Protein backbone atom coordinates (compact mmCIF):
# COMPACT_ATOMS: atom_id res chain seq x y z
CA MET A 1 93.45 97.43 83.51
CA LYS A 2 96.76 99.15 82.77
CA LEU A 3 99.59 96.83 81.68
CA ALA A 4 103.22 97.77 81.08
CA PHE A 5 105.67 95.52 79.22
CA LEU A 6 109.31 95.66 80.31
CA GLY A 7 112.55 93.84 79.66
CA LYS A 8 116.00 93.96 78.16
CA GLY A 9 116.26 95.33 74.63
CA GLY A 10 115.42 92.60 72.13
CA SER A 11 113.67 90.44 74.70
CA GLY A 12 110.38 90.51 72.80
CA LYS A 13 108.46 93.01 74.93
CA SER A 14 107.17 94.92 71.89
CA THR A 15 105.98 91.67 70.31
CA MET A 16 104.26 90.70 73.53
CA ALA A 17 102.68 94.14 73.92
CA THR A 18 101.38 93.95 70.34
CA ALA A 19 99.92 90.49 70.96
CA MET A 20 98.22 91.75 74.11
CA VAL A 21 96.64 94.69 72.28
CA ARG A 22 95.23 92.33 69.66
CA ALA A 23 94.04 89.84 72.27
CA LEU A 24 92.21 92.54 74.21
CA ARG A 25 90.59 93.86 71.05
CA ALA A 26 89.51 90.31 70.15
CA ARG A 27 87.72 90.21 73.49
CA GLY A 28 85.83 93.36 72.56
CA MET A 29 87.71 95.71 74.88
CA ARG A 30 88.48 99.34 74.13
CA VAL A 31 92.28 99.71 74.13
CA LEU A 32 94.76 102.56 74.31
CA ALA A 33 98.21 101.36 73.19
CA ILE A 34 100.99 103.59 74.51
CA ASP A 35 104.37 103.35 72.79
CA ALA A 36 106.85 104.77 75.30
CA ASP A 37 109.93 103.34 73.55
CA HIS A 38 112.01 105.63 71.29
CA ASN A 39 112.20 102.82 68.72
CA MET A 40 108.39 103.03 68.31
CA ASP A 41 108.10 99.30 67.55
CA LEU A 42 104.61 98.99 69.04
CA SER A 43 103.32 101.82 66.83
CA TYR A 44 104.79 100.26 63.69
CA ASN A 45 103.62 96.76 64.68
CA LEU A 46 100.06 98.07 64.90
CA GLY A 47 100.33 99.75 61.50
CA VAL A 48 100.84 103.35 62.62
CA GLU A 49 103.22 105.76 60.89
CA PRO A 50 103.76 108.00 63.93
CA SER A 51 103.39 111.74 63.38
CA ILE A 52 101.83 112.94 66.67
CA PHE A 53 104.13 112.64 69.65
CA LEU A 54 103.56 112.98 73.37
CA GLY A 55 107.21 113.97 73.76
CA ALA A 56 107.06 116.84 71.26
CA ASP A 57 105.93 119.11 74.11
CA PRO A 58 106.34 117.15 77.37
CA ASP A 59 105.34 120.10 79.55
CA HIS A 60 101.97 120.55 77.85
CA ILE A 61 100.34 118.10 80.24
CA LYS A 62 101.39 120.26 83.21
CA GLU A 63 99.63 123.23 81.67
CA HIS A 64 96.62 121.09 80.80
CA VAL A 65 96.00 120.17 84.45
CA GLY A 66 96.51 123.77 85.59
CA SER A 67 100.05 123.48 86.88
CA SER A 68 103.19 125.45 85.95
CA ARG A 69 105.16 124.32 82.92
CA SER A 70 108.32 124.95 84.91
CA GLY A 71 107.15 122.81 87.81
CA THR A 72 107.68 119.10 88.37
CA TYR A 73 105.47 116.30 87.09
CA ILE A 74 104.72 115.32 90.68
CA ASP A 75 103.42 118.84 91.32
CA ALA A 76 101.29 118.57 88.18
CA LEU A 77 99.89 115.23 89.32
CA HIS A 78 98.94 116.66 92.70
CA THR A 79 97.36 119.70 91.02
CA GLY A 80 95.33 117.48 88.71
CA LYS A 81 94.05 115.40 91.62
CA GLU A 82 93.21 118.48 93.68
CA LYS A 83 91.25 119.98 90.78
CA GLY A 84 89.52 116.71 89.96
CA ILE A 85 90.98 116.55 86.46
CA PHE A 86 90.98 113.11 84.86
CA PHE A 87 91.57 111.57 81.45
CA THR A 88 89.08 109.15 79.90
CA LEU A 89 88.78 106.91 76.84
CA SER A 90 84.99 106.89 76.65
CA PRO A 91 84.01 109.61 76.25
CA ILE A 92 87.47 110.54 75.07
CA ASP A 93 88.94 113.65 76.65
CA GLU A 94 90.50 116.46 74.64
CA PHE A 95 94.10 115.73 75.71
CA THR A 96 93.94 112.03 74.80
CA SER A 97 92.16 112.76 71.54
CA SER A 98 94.74 115.31 70.42
CA LEU A 99 97.77 113.18 71.25
CA SER A 100 96.67 109.77 69.99
CA VAL A 101 95.67 108.24 66.68
CA GLU A 102 92.50 106.20 66.22
CA LEU A 103 93.23 103.05 64.21
CA GLU A 104 89.73 101.67 64.44
CA ASP A 105 86.72 102.05 66.66
CA GLY A 106 87.96 100.98 70.09
CA LEU A 107 91.70 101.20 69.40
CA ARG A 108 93.91 104.26 69.74
CA VAL A 109 97.72 104.58 69.78
CA MET A 110 99.71 107.18 71.72
CA THR A 111 103.42 107.50 70.90
CA ALA A 112 106.08 109.18 73.06
CA GLY A 113 108.18 109.69 69.95
CA PRO A 114 111.79 109.98 68.83
CA HIS A 115 114.47 112.30 70.16
CA THR A 116 113.72 115.98 69.73
CA GLU A 117 116.02 118.93 69.10
CA ARG A 118 115.82 119.80 72.81
CA VAL A 119 117.20 116.37 73.61
CA ARG A 120 119.90 116.60 70.94
CA LEU A 121 120.92 120.05 72.19
CA GLN A 122 121.08 118.64 75.74
CA GLU A 123 118.35 121.00 76.92
CA ALA A 124 116.38 117.94 78.06
CA CYS A 125 117.12 114.26 78.55
CA SER A 126 115.51 111.48 76.55
CA HIS A 127 113.47 110.51 79.62
CA SER A 128 111.44 113.67 79.11
CA LEU A 129 109.72 112.19 76.04
CA ALA A 130 107.70 109.74 78.13
CA ALA A 131 107.70 111.79 81.34
CA PRO A 132 104.11 113.06 80.82
CA LEU A 133 102.97 109.50 81.59
CA LYS A 134 103.83 110.23 85.24
CA VAL A 135 100.78 112.50 85.23
CA TYR A 136 98.68 110.85 82.54
CA LEU A 137 98.54 107.25 83.78
CA PRO A 138 97.50 107.95 87.40
CA LEU A 139 94.82 110.39 86.19
CA LEU A 140 93.47 108.07 83.49
CA LYS A 141 90.14 106.58 84.59
CA LEU A 142 89.08 103.41 82.82
CA ASN A 143 85.69 101.77 82.49
CA LYS A 144 85.32 98.04 83.02
CA ASN A 145 85.73 97.16 79.34
CA GLU A 146 88.79 99.37 78.75
CA ALA A 147 92.52 98.70 78.94
CA VAL A 148 95.88 100.37 78.43
CA VAL A 149 98.91 98.51 77.07
CA ILE A 150 102.28 100.24 77.42
CA ASP A 151 105.42 99.19 75.57
CA GLU A 152 108.16 100.66 77.72
CA ARG A 153 111.81 101.44 77.13
CA ALA A 154 114.36 98.72 77.72
CA GLY A 155 115.86 98.19 81.16
CA THR A 156 114.98 99.64 84.56
CA ASP A 157 114.57 103.31 83.61
CA PRO A 158 110.77 103.32 83.33
CA VAL A 159 110.44 102.01 86.89
CA ALA A 160 113.17 104.09 88.49
CA THR A 161 111.84 107.31 86.95
CA GLY A 162 108.33 106.77 88.36
CA ILE A 163 106.45 106.35 85.10
CA LEU A 164 104.87 103.04 86.17
CA ALA A 165 103.25 104.44 89.32
CA GLY A 166 99.91 104.44 87.52
CA VAL A 167 99.88 100.85 86.18
CA ASP A 168 98.07 97.81 87.56
CA LEU A 169 100.55 95.16 86.41
CA ALA A 170 104.04 95.08 84.92
CA VAL A 171 104.92 92.21 82.59
CA ILE A 172 108.65 91.41 82.46
CA VAL A 173 109.61 89.64 79.23
CA ARG A 174 112.73 87.53 79.80
CA GLU A 175 115.04 85.53 77.53
CA PRO A 176 117.17 82.54 78.65
CA THR A 177 120.42 84.52 78.54
CA VAL A 178 122.60 85.76 81.39
CA ASN A 179 122.12 89.42 80.53
CA SER A 180 118.36 89.18 80.02
CA ARG A 181 117.92 87.38 83.33
CA ARG A 182 120.15 89.91 85.07
CA VAL A 183 118.14 92.83 83.70
CA ALA A 184 114.90 91.06 84.64
CA GLU A 185 116.13 90.75 88.22
CA GLN A 186 117.03 94.44 88.29
CA ILE A 187 113.58 95.33 86.99
CA LYS A 188 111.97 93.10 89.62
CA GLN A 189 113.93 94.85 92.35
CA GLU A 190 112.89 98.29 91.13
CA LEU A 191 109.25 97.19 90.82
CA GLY A 192 109.40 95.88 94.38
CA ILE A 193 110.70 99.22 95.63
CA ALA A 194 108.02 101.07 93.67
CA GLY A 195 105.29 98.71 94.89
CA VAL A 196 104.20 97.74 91.37
CA PRO A 197 102.91 94.14 90.99
CA TYR A 198 104.52 92.09 88.22
CA ILE A 199 104.71 88.76 86.45
CA VAL A 200 107.51 87.28 84.33
CA VAL A 201 106.98 85.80 80.85
CA ASP A 202 109.82 83.69 79.47
CA ASN A 203 110.62 84.03 75.78
CA LYS A 204 112.75 81.93 73.42
CA GLU A 205 113.08 79.03 75.84
CA HIS A 206 114.67 76.01 74.13
CA GLY A 207 115.21 78.11 71.02
CA MET A 208 111.49 78.81 70.56
CA GLU A 209 109.97 82.25 70.13
CA ILE A 210 107.38 83.38 72.63
CA ASP A 211 103.99 81.63 72.49
CA THR A 212 101.93 84.81 72.48
CA LYS A 213 98.62 82.98 72.97
CA ASN A 214 99.73 81.18 76.11
CA ALA A 215 101.60 84.23 77.34
CA THR A 216 98.59 86.52 76.96
CA GLU A 217 96.40 84.00 78.80
CA SER A 218 98.97 84.03 81.64
CA VAL A 219 98.69 87.79 81.85
CA PHE A 220 94.88 87.69 81.85
CA ALA A 221 94.99 85.17 84.69
CA SER A 222 97.28 87.45 86.70
CA VAL A 223 95.14 90.60 86.50
C-alpha cells in the first residue's frame, strides 16, 4: 500500500500523514515515511532532524538503475524495469538504506530535503528535489505487511509532474474554505487525468481540527 497525502498548504496533510504513519505502525506494519515537502513537516513530526536528503543528488537514482545521469527520469524508470531492478523494504535495498533514516525497527523516513545551491543558482528547479520518486515509487516492491506514506508538496504539482504514478491511493485533505476547496478540485482533476485513485478527507469542519482516528479508518476502508 502506497499512500500520498495532498492538499492546499496548511490544510493539515502533514498532520494526517503523520497520523497515518503512527496508525500503520500500531497495526504492526513496516512503514517507509517519505517527506516530499520542502518544509519537511512530516520528518519533524516523526522526530527526525533531517540530514540525509534524496534531493541532494537527484540524478543518483538514474545512475543506480543503470541509466544516464543526463537522461530523463522516464528513461531511468524504463531502464530499471528492463533490467529487473527493484527497491525493497525487507530486506532493505542499498539505495533505500543509504537515503533513509531508521527511527525504530519497522519505521524509516526518507526526506526530499530543502532547496539546494543548484536550485538557488537556477541550475535546477525545486521540483528536482522529489523527482527521483518518479523512478523510486514504481520500482518499490512491497510485501503484504508493508506500506509507504508520502507527505507531498502543496497544490497540484506532485500530480502534474508525474510523481504519483507509483501510488495506490491519493488522500486529499480539504478545509472548508473557498481556496482549499478550489485547490482540492484542481487536484482531483489532475488525479483523474493521471488515473490515480483518490479519496477526500475534510478537516476543520465546524471549527474542529481533523479527527485523525476517524480519518485514518476512512483511508483504511478505501484501500
